Amino acid sequence: MHPVYQSLLRNRLERLILEFRHAAKELYFDESKGSLIHPGEFGTYRESLIRELLREYLPNQFEVSTGFVVSSEGFTSKQCDIVIYHRDHTPTVRTPENQRFFPIETVVAIIEIKS
């Protein structure tokens, strides 16, 4: 990898780590109890940070979202934290609650974010 790319990526990852730690302490962690206040919201926050990072580095033909993957055989996945899909080949299928569904043929990758 070219040194310029390495430097840019390293700097971006350092910012991500700082933001992750800062938000954890300021927004989601109760020092007096030594535990997370809103674990679900903290998980959602972590997922959004990773989606933002991926958007910065993926080629433009790909998009990053969250939702469910569906197959032509009728299978529907559980909710996926991160779905990377072909932007131009994926129909917008969503519920009134804004939950997205992605045909498996257009999905490049799924990522689950875990502690």
N, C-alpha and C. Protein backbone atom coordinates (compact mmCIF):
# COMPACT_ATOMS: atom_id res chain seq x y z
N MET A 1 0.85 -1.17 0.00
CA MET A 1 0.00 0.00 0.00
C MET A 1 0.90 1.24 0.00
N HIS A 2 0.51 2.21 -0.77
CA HIS A 2 1.26 3.46 -0.88
C HIS A 2 1.31 4.17 0.48
N PRO A 3 2.45 4.76 0.84
CA PRO A 3 2.58 5.43 2.15
C PRO A 3 1.53 6.51 2.41
N VAL A 4 1.09 7.20 1.38
CA VAL A 4 0.06 8.23 1.57
C VAL A 4 -1.24 7.57 2.02
N TYR A 5 -1.62 6.48 1.36
CA TYR A 5 -2.83 5.75 1.75
C TYR A 5 -2.72 5.20 3.16
N GLN A 6 -1.53 4.67 3.48
CA GLN A 6 -1.32 4.14 4.82
C GLN A 6 -1.49 5.23 5.88
N SER A 7 -0.93 6.38 5.61
CA SER A 7 -1.02 7.48 6.56
C SER A 7 -2.47 7.95 6.72
N LEU A 8 -3.18 8.11 5.61
CA LEU A 8 -4.57 8.54 5.67
C LEU A 8 -5.44 7.54 6.43
N LEU A 9 -5.24 6.27 6.12
CA LEU A 9 -6.03 5.23 6.79
C LEU A 9 -5.69 5.17 8.27
N ARG A 10 -4.44 5.23 8.61
CA ARG A 10 -4.02 5.21 10.02
C ARG A 10 -4.65 6.38 10.79
N ASN A 11 -4.58 7.58 10.19
CA ASN A 11 -5.18 8.76 10.84
C ASN A 11 -6.69 8.60 11.01
N ARG A 12 -7.35 8.05 10.00
CA ARG A 12 -8.80 7.86 10.08
C ARG A 12 -9.15 6.85 11.16
N LEU A 13 -8.38 5.77 11.25
CA LEU A 13 -8.65 4.76 12.27
C LEU A 13 -8.38 5.31 13.68
N GLU A 14 -7.37 6.13 13.83
CA GLU A 14 -7.11 6.76 15.12
C GLU A 14 -8.27 7.66 15.54
N ARG A 15 -8.83 8.42 14.58
CA ARG A 15 -10.00 9.26 14.88
C ARG A 15 -11.20 8.41 15.27
N LEU A 16 -11.38 7.29 14.57
CA LEU A 16 -12.48 6.38 14.88
C LEU A 16 -12.35 5.85 16.31
N ILE A 17 -11.16 5.44 16.69
CA ILE A 17 -10.93 4.92 18.04
C ILE A 17 -11.19 5.99 19.09
N LEU A 18 -10.72 7.21 18.85
CA LEU A 18 -10.97 8.30 19.81
C LEU A 18 -12.46 8.60 19.94
N GLU A 19 -13.15 8.65 18.81
CA GLU A 19 -14.59 8.91 18.84
C GLU A 19 -15.33 7.79 19.56
N PHE A 20 -14.92 6.56 19.28
CA PHE A 20 -15.53 5.40 19.92
C PHE A 20 -15.37 5.47 21.44
N ARG A 21 -14.17 5.77 21.90
CA ARG A 21 -13.91 5.85 23.34
C ARG A 21 -14.60 7.04 23.98
N HIS A 22 -14.57 8.18 23.32
CA HIS A 22 -15.19 9.39 23.86
C HIS A 22 -16.70 9.20 24.00
N ALA A 23 -17.34 8.71 22.97
CA ALA A 23 -18.79 8.51 23.02
C ALA A 23 -19.15 7.47 24.07
N ALA A 24 -18.33 6.45 24.19
CA ALA A 24 -18.61 5.41 25.18
C ALA A 24 -18.64 6.00 26.58
N LYS A 25 -17.71 6.85 26.88
CA LYS A 25 -17.65 7.43 28.23
C LYS A 25 -18.67 8.53 28.43
N GLU A 26 -18.79 9.41 27.44
CA GLU A 26 -19.66 10.58 27.60
C GLU A 26 -21.14 10.26 27.45
N LEU A 27 -21.48 9.39 26.54
CA LEU A 27 -22.89 9.17 26.22
C LEU A 27 -23.50 7.91 26.81
N TYR A 28 -22.71 6.86 26.93
CA TYR A 28 -23.31 5.55 27.20
C TYR A 28 -22.81 4.85 28.45
N PHE A 29 -21.89 5.44 29.17
CA PHE A 29 -21.29 4.74 30.31
C PHE A 29 -21.58 5.48 31.60
N ASP A 30 -22.07 4.75 32.60
CA ASP A 30 -22.33 5.31 33.93
C ASP A 30 -21.15 4.95 34.82
N GLU A 31 -20.30 5.94 35.08
CA GLU A 31 -19.09 5.72 35.88
C GLU A 31 -19.43 5.17 37.27
N SER A 32 -20.49 5.69 37.89
CA SER A 32 -20.83 5.28 39.26
C SER A 32 -21.23 3.81 39.33
N LYS A 33 -21.84 3.30 38.27
CA LYS A 33 -22.25 1.89 38.24
C LYS A 33 -21.23 1.00 37.52
N GLY A 34 -20.36 1.62 36.77
CA GLY A 34 -19.36 0.86 36.02
C GLY A 34 -19.97 0.04 34.90
N SER A 35 -21.05 0.55 34.29
CA SER A 35 -21.70 -0.21 33.22
C SER A 35 -22.32 0.73 32.19
N LEU A 36 -22.71 0.15 31.06
CA LEU A 36 -23.38 0.92 30.02
C LEU A 36 -24.78 1.30 30.47
N ILE A 37 -25.19 2.51 30.11
CA ILE A 37 -26.54 2.99 30.43
C ILE A 37 -27.53 2.45 29.39
N HIS A 38 -27.18 2.55 28.12
CA HIS A 38 -28.06 2.13 27.03
C HIS A 38 -27.28 1.22 26.08
N PRO A 39 -27.13 -0.07 26.41
CA PRO A 39 -26.33 -0.95 25.56
C PRO A 39 -26.81 -1.03 24.11
N GLY A 40 -28.13 -1.04 23.91
CA GLY A 40 -28.66 -1.13 22.54
C GLY A 40 -28.30 0.09 21.72
N GLU A 41 -28.43 1.26 22.31
CA GLU A 41 -28.09 2.50 21.61
C GLU A 41 -26.59 2.59 21.36
N PHE A 42 -25.81 2.10 22.31
CA PHE A 42 -24.36 2.09 22.12
C PHE A 42 -23.99 1.19 20.95
N GLY A 43 -24.66 0.04 20.85
CA GLY A 43 -24.42 -0.86 19.72
C GLY A 43 -24.78 -0.20 18.40
N THR A 44 -25.90 0.49 18.36
CA THR A 44 -26.31 1.20 17.15
C THR A 44 -25.29 2.27 16.78
N TYR A 45 -24.77 2.96 17.79
CA TYR A 45 -23.75 3.98 17.55
C TYR A 45 -22.49 3.37 16.95
N ARG A 46 -22.02 2.25 17.51
CA ARG A 46 -20.82 1.58 16.99
C ARG A 46 -21.03 1.17 15.54
N GLU A 47 -22.20 0.62 15.25
CA GLU A 47 -22.50 0.19 13.88
C GLU A 47 -22.44 1.38 12.91
N SER A 48 -23.00 2.52 13.32
CA SER A 48 -23.00 3.69 12.44
C SER A 48 -21.58 4.20 12.20
N LEU A 49 -20.71 4.13 13.21
CA LEU A 49 -19.32 4.54 13.02
C LEU A 49 -18.63 3.67 11.96
N ILE A 50 -18.86 2.37 12.02
CA ILE A 50 -18.23 1.47 11.05
C ILE A 50 -18.81 1.68 9.66
N ARG A 51 -20.12 1.90 9.57
CA ARG A 51 -20.74 2.18 8.26
C ARG A 51 -20.12 3.44 7.65
N GLU A 52 -19.95 4.49 8.45
CA GLU A 52 -19.33 5.73 7.94
C GLU A 52 -17.92 5.48 7.44
N LEU A 53 -17.15 4.71 8.20
CA LEU A 53 -15.78 4.41 7.79
C LEU A 53 -15.77 3.65 6.46
N LEU A 54 -16.62 2.65 6.34
CA LEU A 54 -16.67 1.88 5.10
C LEU A 54 -17.06 2.76 3.91
N ARG A 55 -18.00 3.65 4.09
CA ARG A 55 -18.43 4.54 3.00
C ARG A 55 -17.27 5.38 2.48
N GLU A 56 -16.37 5.75 3.37
CA GLU A 56 -15.23 6.57 2.97
C GLU A 56 -14.26 5.82 2.07
N TYR A 57 -14.18 4.50 2.21
CA TYR A 57 -13.13 3.75 1.52
C TYR A 57 -13.62 2.79 0.45
N LEU A 58 -14.91 2.53 0.39
CA LEU A 58 -15.43 1.63 -0.64
C LEU A 58 -15.58 2.38 -1.96
N PRO A 59 -15.42 1.68 -3.08
CA PRO A 59 -15.68 2.31 -4.38
C PRO A 59 -17.14 2.79 -4.46
N ASN A 60 -17.38 3.80 -5.31
CA ASN A 60 -18.70 4.41 -5.40
C ASN A 60 -19.82 3.48 -5.84
N GLN A 61 -19.50 2.37 -6.49
CA GLN A 61 -20.56 1.47 -6.93
C GLN A 61 -21.19 0.70 -5.77
N PHE A 62 -20.59 0.79 -4.59
CA PHE A 62 -21.12 0.10 -3.42
C PHE A 62 -21.73 1.10 -2.44
N GLU A 63 -22.72 0.64 -1.71
CA GLU A 63 -23.34 1.44 -0.65
C GLU A 63 -23.39 0.59 0.60
N VAL A 64 -23.54 1.24 1.73
CA VAL A 64 -23.52 0.58 3.03
C VAL A 64 -24.81 0.95 3.76
N SER A 65 -25.48 -0.06 4.32
CA SER A 65 -26.71 0.18 5.05
C SER A 65 -26.87 -0.89 6.12
N THR A 66 -28.07 -1.03 6.62
CA THR A 66 -28.43 -2.06 7.58
C THR A 66 -29.76 -2.63 7.14
N GLY A 67 -30.02 -3.89 7.44
CA GLY A 67 -31.30 -4.46 7.04
C GLY A 67 -31.26 -5.97 6.96
N PHE A 68 -32.12 -6.50 6.09
CA PHE A 68 -32.31 -7.94 5.95
C PHE A 68 -31.95 -8.36 4.52
N VAL A 69 -31.38 -9.56 4.39
CA VAL A 69 -31.06 -10.13 3.09
C VAL A 69 -32.12 -11.17 2.77
N VAL A 70 -32.65 -11.11 1.55
CA VAL A 70 -33.69 -12.06 1.13
C VAL A 70 -33.22 -12.84 -0.09
N SER A 71 -33.63 -14.11 -0.14
CA SER A 71 -33.27 -14.96 -1.27
C SER A 71 -34.50 -15.22 -2.12
N SER A 72 -34.28 -15.68 -3.35
CA SER A 72 -35.39 -16.01 -4.25
C SER A 72 -36.13 -17.25 -3.78
N GLU A 73 -35.51 -18.03 -2.87
CA GLU A 73 -36.16 -19.22 -2.32
C GLU A 73 -37.05 -18.91 -1.12
N GLY A 74 -37.14 -17.64 -0.73
CA GLY A 74 -38.02 -17.25 0.36
C GLY A 74 -37.34 -17.11 1.71
N PHE A 75 -36.03 -17.28 1.77
CA PHE A 75 -35.31 -17.12 3.04
C PHE A 75 -35.09 -15.63 3.32
N THR A 76 -35.30 -15.24 4.57
CA THR A 76 -34.99 -13.88 5.03
C THR A 76 -34.03 -14.00 6.20
N SER A 77 -32.93 -13.28 6.13
CA SER A 77 -31.93 -13.32 7.19
C SER A 77 -32.46 -12.62 8.43
N LYS A 78 -31.71 -12.77 9.51
CA LYS A 78 -31.96 -11.92 10.67
C LYS A 78 -31.44 -10.53 10.31
N GLN A 79 -31.73 -9.55 11.15
CA GLN A 79 -31.28 -8.19 10.89
C GLN A 79 -29.76 -8.17 10.86
N CYS A 80 -29.20 -7.58 9.80
CA CYS A 80 -27.75 -7.49 9.63
C CYS A 80 -27.29 -6.08 9.99
N ASP A 81 -26.26 -5.99 10.82
CA ASP A 81 -25.76 -4.69 11.26
C ASP A 81 -25.28 -3.85 10.09
N ILE A 82 -24.54 -4.49 9.20
CA ILE A 82 -23.99 -3.78 8.04
C ILE A 82 -24.20 -4.64 6.81
N VAL A 83 -24.78 -4.04 5.77
CA VAL A 83 -24.96 -4.70 4.49
C VAL A 83 -24.25 -3.84 3.45
N ILE A 84 -23.32 -4.46 2.72
CA ILE A 84 -22.65 -3.77 1.62
C ILE A 84 -23.26 -4.34 0.34
N TYR A 85 -23.77 -3.45 -0.51
CA TYR A 85 -24.49 -3.90 -1.69
C TYR A 85 -24.14 -3.03 -2.90
N HIS A 86 -24.45 -3.57 -4.09
CA HIS A 86 -24.26 -2.82 -5.33
C HIS A 86 -25.32 -1.73 -5.42
N ARG A 87 -24.88 -0.50 -5.43
CA ARG A 87 -25.78 0.65 -5.43
C ARG A 87 -26.73 0.65 -6.64
N ASP A 88 -26.22 0.42 -7.83
CA ASP A 88 -27.02 0.55 -9.05
C ASP A 88 -27.88 -0.67 -9.36
N HIS A 89 -27.68 -1.77 -8.65
CA HIS A 89 -28.41 -3.00 -8.98
C HIS A 89 -29.38 -3.42 -7.88
N THR A 90 -29.56 -2.59 -6.88
CA THR A 90 -30.38 -2.97 -5.73
C THR A 90 -31.65 -2.11 -5.69
N PRO A 91 -32.82 -2.76 -5.78
CA PRO A 91 -34.06 -1.99 -5.64
C PRO A 91 -34.23 -1.52 -4.20
N THR A 92 -34.91 -0.41 -4.04
CA THR A 92 -35.20 0.09 -2.70
C THR A 92 -36.48 -0.57 -2.22
N VAL A 93 -36.34 -1.52 -1.31
CA VAL A 93 -37.47 -2.21 -0.73
C VAL A 93 -37.40 -1.97 0.77
N ARG A 94 -38.39 -1.28 1.30
CA ARG A 94 -38.38 -0.97 2.74
C ARG A 94 -39.79 -0.95 3.28
N THR A 95 -39.88 -1.17 4.58
CA THR A 95 -41.16 -1.11 5.27
C THR A 95 -41.47 0.35 5.63
N PRO A 96 -42.70 0.62 6.06
CA PRO A 96 -43.01 1.99 6.51
C PRO A 96 -42.13 2.42 7.69
N GLU A 97 -41.60 1.46 8.45
CA GLU A 97 -40.70 1.77 9.57
C GLU A 97 -39.25 1.98 9.11
N ASN A 98 -39.03 1.96 7.78
CA ASN A 98 -37.73 2.20 7.17
C ASN A 98 -36.77 1.02 7.29
N GLN A 99 -37.25 -0.18 7.50
CA GLN A 99 -36.40 -1.37 7.49
C GLN A 99 -36.14 -1.75 6.03
N ARG A 100 -34.88 -1.98 5.68
CA ARG A 100 -34.49 -2.29 4.30
C ARG A 100 -34.38 -3.79 4.09
N PHE A 101 -34.67 -4.23 2.86
CA PHE A 101 -34.53 -5.61 2.43
C PHE A 101 -33.71 -5.61 1.15
N PHE A 102 -32.69 -6.50 1.10
CA PHE A 102 -31.75 -6.54 -0.01
C PHE A 102 -31.77 -7.90 -0.68
N PRO A 103 -31.98 -7.96 -2.00
CA PRO A 103 -31.88 -9.25 -2.70
C PRO A 103 -30.45 -9.79 -2.56
N ILE A 104 -30.34 -11.06 -2.25
CA ILE A 104 -29.02 -11.65 -2.02
C ILE A 104 -28.10 -11.49 -3.23
N GLU A 105 -28.68 -11.43 -4.42
CA GLU A 105 -27.88 -11.31 -5.63
C GLU A 105 -27.12 -9.98 -5.72
N THR A 106 -27.55 -8.97 -4.97
CA THR A 106 -26.90 -7.66 -5.03
C THR A 106 -26.02 -7.37 -3.82
N VAL A 107 -26.01 -8.30 -2.86
CA VAL A 107 -25.24 -8.10 -1.64
C VAL A 107 -23.81 -8.57 -1.84
N VAL A 108 -22.86 -7.71 -1.47
CA VAL A 108 -21.44 -8.03 -1.57
C VAL A 108 -20.94 -8.65 -0.27
N ALA A 109 -21.40 -8.10 0.87
CA ALA A 109 -20.95 -8.59 2.17
C ALA A 109 -21.92 -8.15 3.25
N ILE A 110 -21.92 -8.92 4.33
CA ILE A 110 -22.61 -8.49 5.56
C ILE A 110 -21.61 -8.54 6.70
N ILE A 111 -21.80 -7.64 7.65
CA ILE A 111 -20.89 -7.56 8.80
C ILE A 111 -21.74 -7.44 10.04
N GLU A 112 -21.41 -8.22 11.05
CA GLU A 112 -22.06 -8.11 12.34
C GLU A 112 -21.06 -7.48 13.30
N ILE A 113 -21.47 -6.46 14.03
CA ILE A 113 -20.62 -5.77 14.98
C ILE A 113 -20.91 -6.34 16.38
N LYS A 114 -19.88 -6.87 17.00
CA LYS A 114 -20.00 -7.45 18.34
C LYS A 114 -18.95 -6.86 19.26
N SER A 115 -19.25 -6.87 20.56
CA SER A 115 -18.26 -6.38 21.52
C SER A 115 -17.07 -7.30 21.55
